[in-house]
N, C-alpha and C. Protein backbone atom coordinates (compact mmCIF):
# COMPACT_ATOMS: atom_id res chain seq x y z
N MET A 1 -26.98 -16.65 8.84
CA MET A 1 -26.41 -15.30 8.33
C MET A 1 -25.37 -14.92 9.31
N LEU A 2 -24.36 -14.32 8.55
CA LEU A 2 -23.32 -13.84 9.20
C LEU A 2 -23.13 -12.15 8.95
N GLN A 3 -22.90 -11.35 10.03
CA GLN A 3 -22.93 -10.00 9.89
C GLN A 3 -21.74 -9.47 10.73
N LEU A 4 -20.81 -8.65 10.06
CA LEU A 4 -19.79 -8.05 10.66
C LEU A 4 -19.96 -6.50 10.80
N LEU A 5 -20.05 -6.10 12.18
CA LEU A 5 -20.48 -4.63 12.61
C LEU A 5 -19.31 -4.02 13.03
N ARG A 6 -18.93 -2.75 12.64
CA ARG A 6 -18.04 -1.98 13.45
C ARG A 6 -18.64 -1.59 14.74
N ASN A 7 -17.85 -1.29 15.74
CA ASN A 7 -18.38 -1.11 17.06
C ASN A 7 -19.49 -0.07 17.18
N ASP A 8 -19.47 0.92 16.14
CA ASP A 8 -20.57 1.90 16.29
C ASP A 8 -21.87 1.26 15.53
N ARG A 9 -21.86 -0.16 15.33
CA ARG A 9 -23.00 -0.64 14.76
C ARG A 9 -23.27 -0.55 13.31
N ARG A 10 -22.24 0.01 12.53
CA ARG A 10 -22.36 0.10 11.15
C ARG A 10 -21.92 -1.31 10.41
N LEU A 11 -22.68 -1.79 9.51
CA LEU A 11 -22.68 -2.92 8.88
C LEU A 11 -21.37 -2.77 7.99
N VAL A 12 -20.39 -3.79 8.03
CA VAL A 12 -19.32 -3.79 7.21
C VAL A 12 -19.27 -4.87 6.20
N ALA A 13 -19.61 -6.02 6.52
CA ALA A 13 -19.64 -7.10 5.78
C ALA A 13 -20.74 -8.19 6.06
N GLN A 14 -21.45 -8.81 5.17
CA GLN A 14 -22.37 -9.84 5.36
C GLN A 14 -22.55 -11.04 4.50
N ALA A 15 -22.64 -12.04 4.99
CA ALA A 15 -22.71 -13.36 4.22
C ALA A 15 -24.03 -14.19 4.56
N THR A 16 -24.54 -14.82 3.61
CA THR A 16 -25.63 -15.93 3.90
C THR A 16 -25.13 -17.20 3.36
N VAL A 17 -25.23 -18.18 4.15
CA VAL A 17 -24.77 -19.60 3.96
C VAL A 17 -25.81 -20.49 4.05
N THR A 18 -25.92 -21.35 2.74
CA THR A 18 -27.03 -22.22 2.72
C THR A 18 -26.45 -23.73 2.86
N ARG A 19 -26.90 -24.42 3.62
CA ARG A 19 -26.47 -25.94 3.97
C ARG A 19 -27.63 -26.69 4.02
N SER A 20 -27.44 -27.95 3.77
CA SER A 20 -28.56 -28.86 3.83
C SER A 20 -28.30 -29.95 4.88
N ALA A 21 -27.30 -29.86 5.82
CA ALA A 21 -26.92 -30.80 6.81
C ALA A 21 -26.49 -29.89 7.94
N ALA A 22 -26.77 -30.34 9.22
CA ALA A 22 -26.27 -29.89 10.45
C ALA A 22 -24.91 -30.06 10.60
N GLY A 23 -24.33 -29.07 11.50
CA GLY A 23 -22.95 -29.48 11.92
C GLY A 23 -21.97 -28.21 11.53
N ALA A 24 -20.70 -28.43 11.89
CA ALA A 24 -19.71 -27.40 11.62
C ALA A 24 -19.63 -26.95 10.21
N PHE A 25 -19.19 -25.66 9.97
CA PHE A 25 -19.09 -25.20 8.50
C PHE A 25 -18.03 -24.18 8.42
N VAL A 26 -17.56 -23.97 7.26
CA VAL A 26 -16.66 -22.66 7.08
C VAL A 26 -17.37 -21.79 6.12
N ALA A 27 -17.35 -20.55 6.44
CA ALA A 27 -18.05 -19.55 5.47
C ALA A 27 -17.22 -18.43 5.22
N PRO A 28 -16.92 -18.20 3.94
CA PRO A 28 -16.04 -17.04 3.58
C PRO A 28 -16.60 -15.81 3.71
N LEU A 29 -15.93 -14.78 4.45
CA LEU A 29 -16.39 -13.43 4.53
C LEU A 29 -15.30 -12.54 4.40
N SER A 30 -15.33 -11.91 3.32
CA SER A 30 -14.07 -11.14 2.67
C SER A 30 -13.85 -9.94 3.64
N LEU A 31 -12.56 -9.69 4.15
CA LEU A 31 -12.21 -8.60 4.92
C LEU A 31 -11.17 -7.74 4.23
N ARG A 32 -11.04 -7.87 2.86
CA ARG A 32 -10.13 -7.28 1.98
C ARG A 32 -10.12 -5.77 2.20
N HIS A 33 -11.52 -5.09 2.17
CA HIS A 33 -11.48 -3.62 2.32
C HIS A 33 -11.92 -3.13 3.75
N VAL A 34 -11.84 -3.99 4.74
CA VAL A 34 -12.22 -3.66 6.09
C VAL A 34 -10.95 -3.17 6.77
N GLN A 35 -10.98 -1.85 7.40
CA GLN A 35 -9.96 -1.14 8.00
C GLN A 35 -9.79 -1.70 9.38
N PRO A 36 -8.57 -1.80 9.95
CA PRO A 36 -8.39 -2.24 11.23
C PRO A 36 -9.25 -1.60 12.37
N GLY A 37 -9.50 -2.29 13.38
CA GLY A 37 -10.40 -1.81 14.42
C GLY A 37 -11.06 -2.81 15.17
N LYS A 38 -12.02 -2.38 15.98
CA LYS A 38 -12.92 -3.37 16.90
C LYS A 38 -14.13 -3.54 16.18
N PHE A 39 -14.63 -4.78 16.25
CA PHE A 39 -15.82 -5.21 15.59
C PHE A 39 -16.58 -6.21 16.39
N VAL A 40 -17.84 -6.54 15.87
CA VAL A 40 -18.73 -7.49 16.54
C VAL A 40 -19.28 -8.40 15.35
N LEU A 41 -19.12 -9.72 15.53
CA LEU A 41 -19.56 -10.63 14.58
C LEU A 41 -20.85 -11.39 15.06
N HIS A 42 -21.92 -11.09 14.50
CA HIS A 42 -23.24 -11.66 14.80
C HIS A 42 -23.56 -12.91 13.85
N VAL A 43 -24.06 -13.94 14.39
CA VAL A 43 -24.47 -15.20 13.71
C VAL A 43 -25.80 -15.68 14.15
N LEU A 44 -26.50 -16.02 13.01
CA LEU A 44 -27.98 -16.39 13.25
C LEU A 44 -28.23 -17.58 12.28
N ALA A 45 -28.75 -18.69 13.03
CA ALA A 45 -29.08 -19.74 12.10
C ALA A 45 -30.53 -19.87 11.92
N VAL A 46 -31.02 -20.34 10.72
CA VAL A 46 -32.46 -20.67 10.38
C VAL A 46 -32.66 -21.98 9.85
N ASP A 47 -33.53 -22.82 10.42
CA ASP A 47 -33.63 -24.07 9.97
C ASP A 47 -34.68 -24.30 8.63
N ALA A 48 -34.85 -25.32 8.13
CA ALA A 48 -35.72 -25.48 6.93
C ALA A 48 -37.29 -25.04 7.28
N GLU A 49 -37.72 -25.09 8.60
CA GLU A 49 -38.91 -24.70 8.86
C GLU A 49 -39.04 -23.20 9.07
N GLY A 50 -38.06 -22.59 9.29
CA GLY A 50 -38.05 -21.20 9.58
C GLY A 50 -37.73 -20.76 11.01
N ALA A 51 -37.51 -21.69 11.79
CA ALA A 51 -37.13 -21.57 13.12
C ALA A 51 -35.81 -20.89 13.23
N THR A 52 -35.59 -20.01 14.13
CA THR A 52 -34.26 -19.32 14.27
C THR A 52 -33.57 -19.56 15.46
N SER A 53 -32.19 -19.77 15.51
CA SER A 53 -31.39 -19.84 16.87
C SER A 53 -31.60 -18.50 17.62
N ASP A 54 -30.94 -18.66 18.75
CA ASP A 54 -30.72 -17.40 19.48
C ASP A 54 -29.38 -16.79 18.80
N PRO A 55 -29.48 -15.37 18.56
CA PRO A 55 -28.22 -14.85 17.92
C PRO A 55 -27.11 -15.04 18.83
N VAL A 56 -25.94 -15.17 18.19
CA VAL A 56 -24.72 -15.14 18.83
C VAL A 56 -23.86 -13.97 18.48
N ALA A 57 -23.29 -13.30 19.46
CA ALA A 57 -22.43 -12.17 18.93
C ALA A 57 -21.02 -12.30 19.69
N ARG A 58 -19.97 -12.09 18.94
CA ARG A 58 -18.59 -12.11 19.45
C ARG A 58 -17.79 -10.90 19.03
N ALA A 59 -17.22 -10.37 20.11
CA ALA A 59 -16.29 -9.27 19.75
C ALA A 59 -14.91 -9.77 19.25
N LEU A 60 -14.34 -8.99 18.29
CA LEU A 60 -13.13 -9.30 17.66
C LEU A 60 -12.35 -8.09 17.26
N ARG A 61 -11.11 -8.25 17.07
CA ARG A 61 -10.33 -6.95 16.65
C ARG A 61 -9.48 -7.28 15.47
N ILE A 62 -9.54 -6.51 14.40
CA ILE A 62 -8.63 -6.78 13.28
C ILE A 62 -7.43 -5.87 13.22
N ARG A 63 -6.39 -6.51 12.96
CA ARG A 63 -5.16 -5.69 12.93
C ARG A 63 -4.36 -6.08 11.66
N ARG A 64 -3.66 -5.05 11.16
CA ARG A 64 -3.01 -5.48 9.92
C ARG A 64 -1.56 -5.19 10.19
């Protein structure tokens, strides 16, 4: 699951990706209606048995 949060922790965009194989992937996350600013991208993986990865958070800035 991918979540894009504004710095005040308000959810801006979210996507769920379903894959049957491990490895790198590309996931579309529309930023069309997102205003410029500072954001945090949260990524969480869940396997077929339901085990979850440690959440990963990365700060990013959107400029237009």
